[in-house]
Amino acid sequence: MKLIVAIIRPDKLDEVQQALAERDVYLMTVTDVRGCGRQRGYTEVYRGQQVQSRLIPKLKLEIAVNEAFVEATVEAIVHAARTGDTGAIGDGKIFVLALDDAVRIRTGESGPDAIGP
């Protein structure tokens, strides 16, 4: 089992969800987050004053999958979250972490059975 954590642009969520659904991956947790990377923030004018915002709004997706779905899930996120054909700074990152165990509270199932097919 793996936990896939993806940080993406907020406007790419619908495309990512559609790409995941095409690969039979439906279960995820989505969190609004703020962060910075190579973009280092942005400058905007607020009430006539220039304000620099160093933290950019992003979405964090957490998706627990069985080994058979890891590659397809990562591939779906990469292709759906990428800006244009070659991508752009700020498109996001994907982290794949080992998942020791999972328990479905409703039934008490544990391990791979707890997170789906």
N, C-alpha and C. Protein backbone atom coordinates (compact mmCIF):
# COMPACT_ATOMS: atom_id res chain seq x y z
N MET A 1 0.84 -1.18 0.00
CA MET A 1 0.00 0.00 0.00
C MET A 1 0.89 1.24 0.00
N LYS A 2 0.40 2.28 -0.67
CA LYS A 2 1.14 3.54 -0.75
C LYS A 2 0.19 4.69 -0.47
N LEU A 3 0.74 5.77 0.08
CA LEU A 3 0.01 7.02 0.24
C LEU A 3 0.61 8.00 -0.75
N ILE A 4 -0.20 8.46 -1.66
CA ILE A 4 0.25 9.43 -2.66
C ILE A 4 -0.23 10.80 -2.22
N VAL A 5 0.72 11.70 -2.05
CA VAL A 5 0.43 13.08 -1.65
C VAL A 5 0.80 13.96 -2.83
N ALA A 6 -0.17 14.69 -3.35
CA ALA A 6 0.07 15.55 -4.51
C ALA A 6 -0.31 16.98 -4.14
N ILE A 7 0.57 17.91 -4.48
CA ILE A 7 0.31 19.33 -4.31
C ILE A 7 0.08 19.89 -5.71
N ILE A 8 -1.12 20.43 -5.96
CA ILE A 8 -1.47 20.88 -7.31
C ILE A 8 -2.07 22.28 -7.27
N ARG A 9 -2.20 22.87 -8.46
CA ARG A 9 -2.89 24.16 -8.59
C ARG A 9 -4.38 23.94 -8.34
N PRO A 10 -5.04 24.86 -7.64
CA PRO A 10 -6.48 24.69 -7.36
C PRO A 10 -7.34 24.54 -8.61
N ASP A 11 -6.98 25.22 -9.69
CA ASP A 11 -7.80 25.16 -10.90
C ASP A 11 -7.66 23.84 -11.65
N LYS A 12 -6.77 22.96 -11.21
CA LYS A 12 -6.56 21.68 -11.89
C LYS A 12 -7.30 20.53 -11.22
N LEU A 13 -8.02 20.80 -10.14
CA LEU A 13 -8.67 19.72 -9.39
C LEU A 13 -9.66 18.93 -10.24
N ASP A 14 -10.54 19.59 -10.98
CA ASP A 14 -11.53 18.87 -11.78
C ASP A 14 -10.86 17.96 -12.81
N GLU A 15 -9.82 18.46 -13.46
CA GLU A 15 -9.11 17.64 -14.45
C GLU A 15 -8.44 16.44 -13.81
N VAL A 16 -7.84 16.64 -12.64
CA VAL A 16 -7.18 15.54 -11.94
C VAL A 16 -8.21 14.50 -11.49
N GLN A 17 -9.34 14.95 -10.94
CA GLN A 17 -10.37 14.01 -10.52
C GLN A 17 -10.89 13.19 -11.69
N GLN A 18 -11.09 13.83 -12.82
CA GLN A 18 -11.56 13.12 -14.01
C GLN A 18 -10.53 12.09 -14.47
N ALA A 19 -9.27 12.47 -14.50
CA ALA A 19 -8.21 11.55 -14.93
C ALA A 19 -8.10 10.36 -13.98
N LEU A 20 -8.25 10.61 -12.68
CA LEU A 20 -8.20 9.52 -11.71
C LEU A 20 -9.41 8.60 -11.85
N ALA A 21 -10.59 9.17 -12.08
CA ALA A 21 -11.80 8.37 -12.25
C ALA A 21 -11.68 7.44 -13.46
N GLU A 22 -11.03 7.90 -14.51
CA GLU A 22 -10.82 7.06 -15.70
C GLU A 22 -9.94 5.85 -15.38
N ARG A 23 -9.17 5.93 -14.31
CA ARG A 23 -8.29 4.83 -13.90
C ARG A 23 -8.82 4.12 -12.64
N ASP A 24 -10.11 4.32 -12.35
CA ASP A 24 -10.79 3.69 -11.22
C ASP A 24 -10.21 4.06 -9.86
N VAL A 25 -9.74 5.29 -9.72
CA VAL A 25 -9.28 5.80 -8.43
C VAL A 25 -10.24 6.93 -8.05
N TYR A 26 -11.03 6.68 -7.00
CA TYR A 26 -12.08 7.63 -6.62
C TYR A 26 -11.87 8.22 -5.22
N LEU A 27 -11.17 7.51 -4.37
CA LEU A 27 -11.06 7.90 -2.96
C LEU A 27 -9.89 8.84 -2.75
N MET A 28 -10.16 10.01 -2.17
CA MET A 28 -9.09 10.96 -1.89
C MET A 28 -9.56 11.94 -0.84
N THR A 29 -8.60 12.58 -0.22
CA THR A 29 -8.85 13.68 0.69
C THR A 29 -8.21 14.92 0.09
N VAL A 30 -8.94 16.02 0.05
CA VAL A 30 -8.45 17.26 -0.54
C VAL A 30 -8.42 18.33 0.54
N THR A 31 -7.28 19.00 0.65
CA THR A 31 -7.09 20.04 1.66
C THR A 31 -6.58 21.31 0.99
N ASP A 32 -7.12 22.47 1.39
CA ASP A 32 -6.57 23.75 0.94
C ASP A 32 -5.30 24.01 1.73
N VAL A 33 -4.21 24.26 1.01
CA VAL A 33 -2.93 24.55 1.67
C VAL A 33 -2.30 25.77 1.01
N ARG A 34 -1.27 26.29 1.64
CA ARG A 34 -0.51 27.41 1.08
C ARG A 34 0.96 27.05 1.20
N GLY A 35 1.74 27.42 0.20
CA GLY A 35 3.16 27.11 0.24
C GLY A 35 3.90 27.86 -0.84
N CYS A 36 5.20 27.63 -0.88
CA CYS A 36 6.00 28.26 -1.92
C CYS A 36 7.11 27.31 -2.34
N GLY A 37 7.52 27.48 -3.54
CA GLY A 37 8.62 26.71 -4.10
C GLY A 37 9.46 27.65 -4.93
N ARG A 38 9.71 27.29 -6.16
CA ARG A 38 10.51 28.14 -7.03
C ARG A 38 9.83 29.46 -7.36
N GLN A 39 8.51 29.50 -7.26
CA GLN A 39 7.78 30.73 -7.57
C GLN A 39 8.10 31.85 -6.58
N ARG A 40 8.40 31.49 -5.35
CA ARG A 40 8.73 32.43 -4.28
C ARG A 40 7.66 33.49 -4.05
N GLY A 41 6.43 33.18 -4.33
CA GLY A 41 5.33 34.11 -4.08
C GLY A 41 5.06 35.03 -5.25
N TYR A 42 4.26 36.06 -4.98
CA TYR A 42 3.88 37.01 -6.01
C TYR A 42 3.58 38.36 -5.37
N THR A 43 3.58 39.40 -6.19
CA THR A 43 3.28 40.75 -5.71
C THR A 43 1.97 41.21 -6.31
N GLU A 44 1.13 41.83 -5.48
CA GLU A 44 -0.14 42.37 -5.96
C GLU A 44 -0.38 43.72 -5.31
N VAL A 45 -1.30 44.48 -5.86
CA VAL A 45 -1.64 45.78 -5.31
C VAL A 45 -2.94 45.64 -4.53
N TYR A 46 -2.91 46.03 -3.26
CA TYR A 46 -4.07 45.96 -2.39
C TYR A 46 -4.28 47.32 -1.75
N ARG A 47 -5.40 47.97 -2.07
CA ARG A 47 -5.72 49.31 -1.56
C ARG A 47 -4.60 50.30 -1.84
N GLY A 48 -4.06 50.21 -3.03
CA GLY A 48 -3.04 51.15 -3.46
C GLY A 48 -1.64 50.85 -2.97
N GLN A 49 -1.47 49.81 -2.20
CA GLN A 49 -0.15 49.43 -1.68
C GLN A 49 0.30 48.12 -2.31
N GLN A 50 1.58 48.03 -2.63
CA GLN A 50 2.11 46.77 -3.14
C GLN A 50 2.30 45.82 -1.97
N VAL A 51 1.76 44.63 -2.10
CA VAL A 51 1.86 43.62 -1.06
C VAL A 51 2.47 42.38 -1.67
N GLN A 52 3.47 41.84 -0.98
CA GLN A 52 4.08 40.61 -1.47
C GLN A 52 3.55 39.44 -0.67
N SER A 53 3.04 38.46 -1.37
CA SER A 53 2.54 37.24 -0.75
C SER A 53 3.53 36.12 -1.06
N ARG A 54 4.12 35.56 -0.04
CA ARG A 54 5.13 34.53 -0.25
C ARG A 54 4.52 33.13 -0.31
N LEU A 55 3.32 32.99 0.19
CA LEU A 55 2.67 31.68 0.20
C LEU A 55 1.55 31.67 -0.83
N ILE A 56 1.61 30.71 -1.71
CA ILE A 56 0.67 30.60 -2.83
C ILE A 56 -0.37 29.53 -2.51
N PRO A 57 -1.66 29.79 -2.77
CA PRO A 57 -2.70 28.79 -2.52
C PRO A 57 -2.53 27.57 -3.44
N LYS A 58 -2.59 26.40 -2.84
CA LYS A 58 -2.51 25.13 -3.56
C LYS A 58 -3.54 24.17 -2.96
N LEU A 59 -3.69 23.01 -3.59
CA LEU A 59 -4.50 21.93 -3.03
C LEU A 59 -3.60 20.74 -2.76
N LYS A 60 -3.86 20.09 -1.65
CA LYS A 60 -3.11 18.89 -1.30
C LYS A 60 -4.06 17.70 -1.40
N LEU A 61 -3.72 16.75 -2.26
CA LEU A 61 -4.50 15.53 -2.42
C LEU A 61 -3.79 14.41 -1.69
N GLU A 62 -4.52 13.65 -0.90
CA GLU A 62 -3.97 12.47 -0.25
C GLU A 62 -4.78 11.27 -0.73
N ILE A 63 -4.09 10.33 -1.34
CA ILE A 63 -4.75 9.20 -1.97
C ILE A 63 -4.05 7.92 -1.53
N ALA A 64 -4.77 7.05 -0.85
CA ALA A 64 -4.22 5.75 -0.45
C ALA A 64 -4.61 4.73 -1.51
N VAL A 65 -3.61 4.03 -2.04
CA VAL A 65 -3.87 3.05 -3.10
C VAL A 65 -3.09 1.77 -2.83
N ASN A 66 -3.58 0.69 -3.41
CA ASN A 66 -2.84 -0.56 -3.38
C ASN A 66 -1.75 -0.50 -4.45
N GLU A 67 -0.75 -1.35 -4.31
CA GLU A 67 0.42 -1.33 -5.20
C GLU A 67 0.06 -1.32 -6.68
N ALA A 68 -0.98 -2.03 -7.06
CA ALA A 68 -1.36 -2.13 -8.47
C ALA A 68 -1.81 -0.80 -9.07
N PHE A 69 -2.20 0.15 -8.24
CA PHE A 69 -2.73 1.43 -8.72
C PHE A 69 -1.74 2.59 -8.63
N VAL A 70 -0.56 2.37 -8.07
CA VAL A 70 0.38 3.46 -7.82
C VAL A 70 0.80 4.14 -9.13
N GLU A 71 1.30 3.38 -10.06
CA GLU A 71 1.80 3.96 -11.32
C GLU A 71 0.71 4.69 -12.09
N ALA A 72 -0.46 4.09 -12.19
CA ALA A 72 -1.57 4.72 -12.92
C ALA A 72 -2.03 6.00 -12.24
N THR A 73 -2.03 6.01 -10.91
CA THR A 73 -2.45 7.19 -10.17
C THR A 73 -1.47 8.34 -10.37
N VAL A 74 -0.19 8.06 -10.23
CA VAL A 74 0.83 9.10 -10.43
C VAL A 74 0.78 9.63 -11.86
N GLU A 75 0.67 8.74 -12.82
CA GLU A 75 0.62 9.15 -14.23
C GLU A 75 -0.59 10.04 -14.50
N ALA A 76 -1.73 9.68 -13.94
CA ALA A 76 -2.95 10.47 -14.14
C ALA A 76 -2.79 11.88 -13.57
N ILE A 77 -2.21 11.98 -12.38
CA ILE A 77 -2.03 13.29 -11.76
C ILE A 77 -1.04 14.13 -12.57
N VAL A 78 0.06 13.53 -12.99
CA VAL A 78 1.07 14.27 -13.75
C VAL A 78 0.47 14.85 -15.02
N HIS A 79 -0.25 14.04 -15.78
CA HIS A 79 -0.78 14.51 -17.05
C HIS A 79 -1.92 15.53 -16.88
N ALA A 80 -2.75 15.34 -15.86
CA ALA A 80 -3.89 16.24 -15.68
C ALA A 80 -3.50 17.55 -15.02
N ALA A 81 -2.49 17.54 -14.16
CA ALA A 81 -2.12 18.75 -13.41
C ALA A 81 -1.10 19.60 -14.15
N ARG A 82 -0.51 19.07 -15.20
CA ARG A 82 0.52 19.81 -15.95
C ARG A 82 -0.12 20.94 -16.75
N THR A 83 0.54 22.10 -16.75
CA THR A 83 0.09 23.24 -17.53
C THR A 83 0.69 23.15 -18.92
N GLY A 84 -0.17 23.14 -19.94
CA GLY A 84 0.31 23.05 -21.32
C GLY A 84 0.97 21.71 -21.60
N ASP A 85 1.76 21.67 -22.68
CA ASP A 85 2.41 20.41 -23.07
C ASP A 85 3.66 20.12 -22.25
N THR A 86 4.36 21.16 -21.84
CA THR A 86 5.64 20.95 -21.17
C THR A 86 5.62 21.29 -19.68
N GLY A 87 4.53 21.86 -19.19
CA GLY A 87 4.44 22.22 -17.79
C GLY A 87 5.01 23.59 -17.51
N ALA A 88 4.83 24.04 -16.27
CA ALA A 88 5.31 25.35 -15.85
C ALA A 88 5.66 25.31 -14.38
N ILE A 89 6.51 26.24 -13.97
CA ILE A 89 6.83 26.34 -12.55
C ILE A 89 5.54 26.57 -11.78
N GLY A 90 5.37 25.82 -10.70
CA GLY A 90 4.17 25.96 -9.88
C GLY A 90 3.11 24.91 -10.15
N ASP A 91 3.39 23.97 -11.07
CA ASP A 91 2.41 22.91 -11.35
C ASP A 91 2.26 21.96 -10.17
N GLY A 92 3.27 21.82 -9.34
CA GLY A 92 3.14 21.02 -8.14
C GLY A 92 4.14 19.90 -8.01
N LYS A 93 3.91 19.05 -7.03
CA LYS A 93 4.79 17.92 -6.72
C LYS A 93 3.93 16.73 -6.33
N ILE A 94 4.51 15.54 -6.48
CA ILE A 94 3.86 14.30 -6.04
C ILE A 94 4.85 13.54 -5.17
N PHE A 95 4.39 13.08 -4.03
CA PHE A 95 5.20 12.29 -3.13
C PHE A 95 4.53 10.93 -2.96
N VAL A 96 5.30 9.86 -3.03
CA VAL A 96 4.77 8.51 -2.84
C VAL A 96 5.42 7.95 -1.58
N LEU A 97 4.58 7.66 -0.58
CA LEU A 97 5.06 7.21 0.72
C LEU A 97 4.56 5.80 1.01
N ALA A 98 5.37 5.04 1.72
CA ALA A 98 4.94 3.71 2.15
C ALA A 98 3.82 3.87 3.18
N LEU A 99 2.84 3.00 3.09
CA LEU A 99 1.71 3.03 4.01
C LEU A 99 1.69 1.70 4.75
N ASP A 100 2.02 1.73 6.03
CA ASP A 100 2.14 0.50 6.81
C ASP A 100 0.82 -0.22 7.01
N ASP A 101 -0.22 0.52 7.32
CA ASP A 101 -1.50 -0.12 7.58
C ASP A 101 -2.62 0.88 7.39
N ALA A 102 -3.81 0.36 7.19
CA ALA A 102 -5.03 1.16 7.10
C ALA A 102 -6.15 0.34 7.70
N VAL A 103 -7.09 1.02 8.33
CA VAL A 103 -8.23 0.33 8.95
C VAL A 103 -9.50 1.06 8.54
N ARG A 104 -10.47 0.31 8.02
CA ARG A 104 -11.77 0.89 7.72
C ARG A 104 -12.58 0.84 9.00
N ILE A 105 -12.96 1.99 9.51
CA ILE A 105 -13.63 2.08 10.80
C ILE A 105 -14.97 1.35 10.79
N ARG A 106 -15.74 1.50 9.72
CA ARG A 106 -17.08 0.92 9.66
C ARG A 106 -17.06 -0.59 9.82
N THR A 107 -16.14 -1.29 9.12
CA THR A 107 -16.14 -2.75 9.11
C THR A 107 -15.02 -3.39 9.90
N GLY A 108 -13.99 -2.60 10.22
CA GLY A 108 -12.84 -3.16 10.92
C GLY A 108 -11.83 -3.81 10.00
N GLU A 109 -12.07 -3.79 8.67
CA GLU A 109 -11.12 -4.36 7.73
C GLU A 109 -9.79 -3.61 7.84
N SER A 110 -8.71 -4.34 7.64
CA SER A 110 -7.42 -3.67 7.68
C SER A 110 -6.55 -4.09 6.49
N GLY A 111 -5.46 -3.35 6.30
CA GLY A 111 -4.57 -3.64 5.18
C GLY A 111 -5.17 -3.22 3.85
N PRO A 112 -4.76 -3.87 2.77
CA PRO A 112 -5.23 -3.50 1.44
C PRO A 112 -6.75 -3.55 1.28
N ASP A 113 -7.44 -4.42 2.01
CA ASP A 113 -8.90 -4.49 1.92
C ASP A 113 -9.57 -3.22 2.42
N ALA A 114 -8.90 -2.48 3.29
CA ALA A 114 -9.49 -1.28 3.88
C ALA A 114 -9.51 -0.11 2.91
N ILE A 115 -8.65 -0.13 1.88
CA ILE A 115 -8.60 1.02 0.98
C ILE A 115 -9.17 0.75 -0.40
N GLY A 116 -9.73 -0.39 -0.61
CA GLY A 116 -10.43 -0.62 -1.86
C GLY A 116 -9.88 -1.76 -2.68
N PRO A 117 -10.20 -1.73 -3.96
CA PRO A 117 -9.84 -2.86 -4.84
C PRO A 117 -8.37 -3.08 -4.95
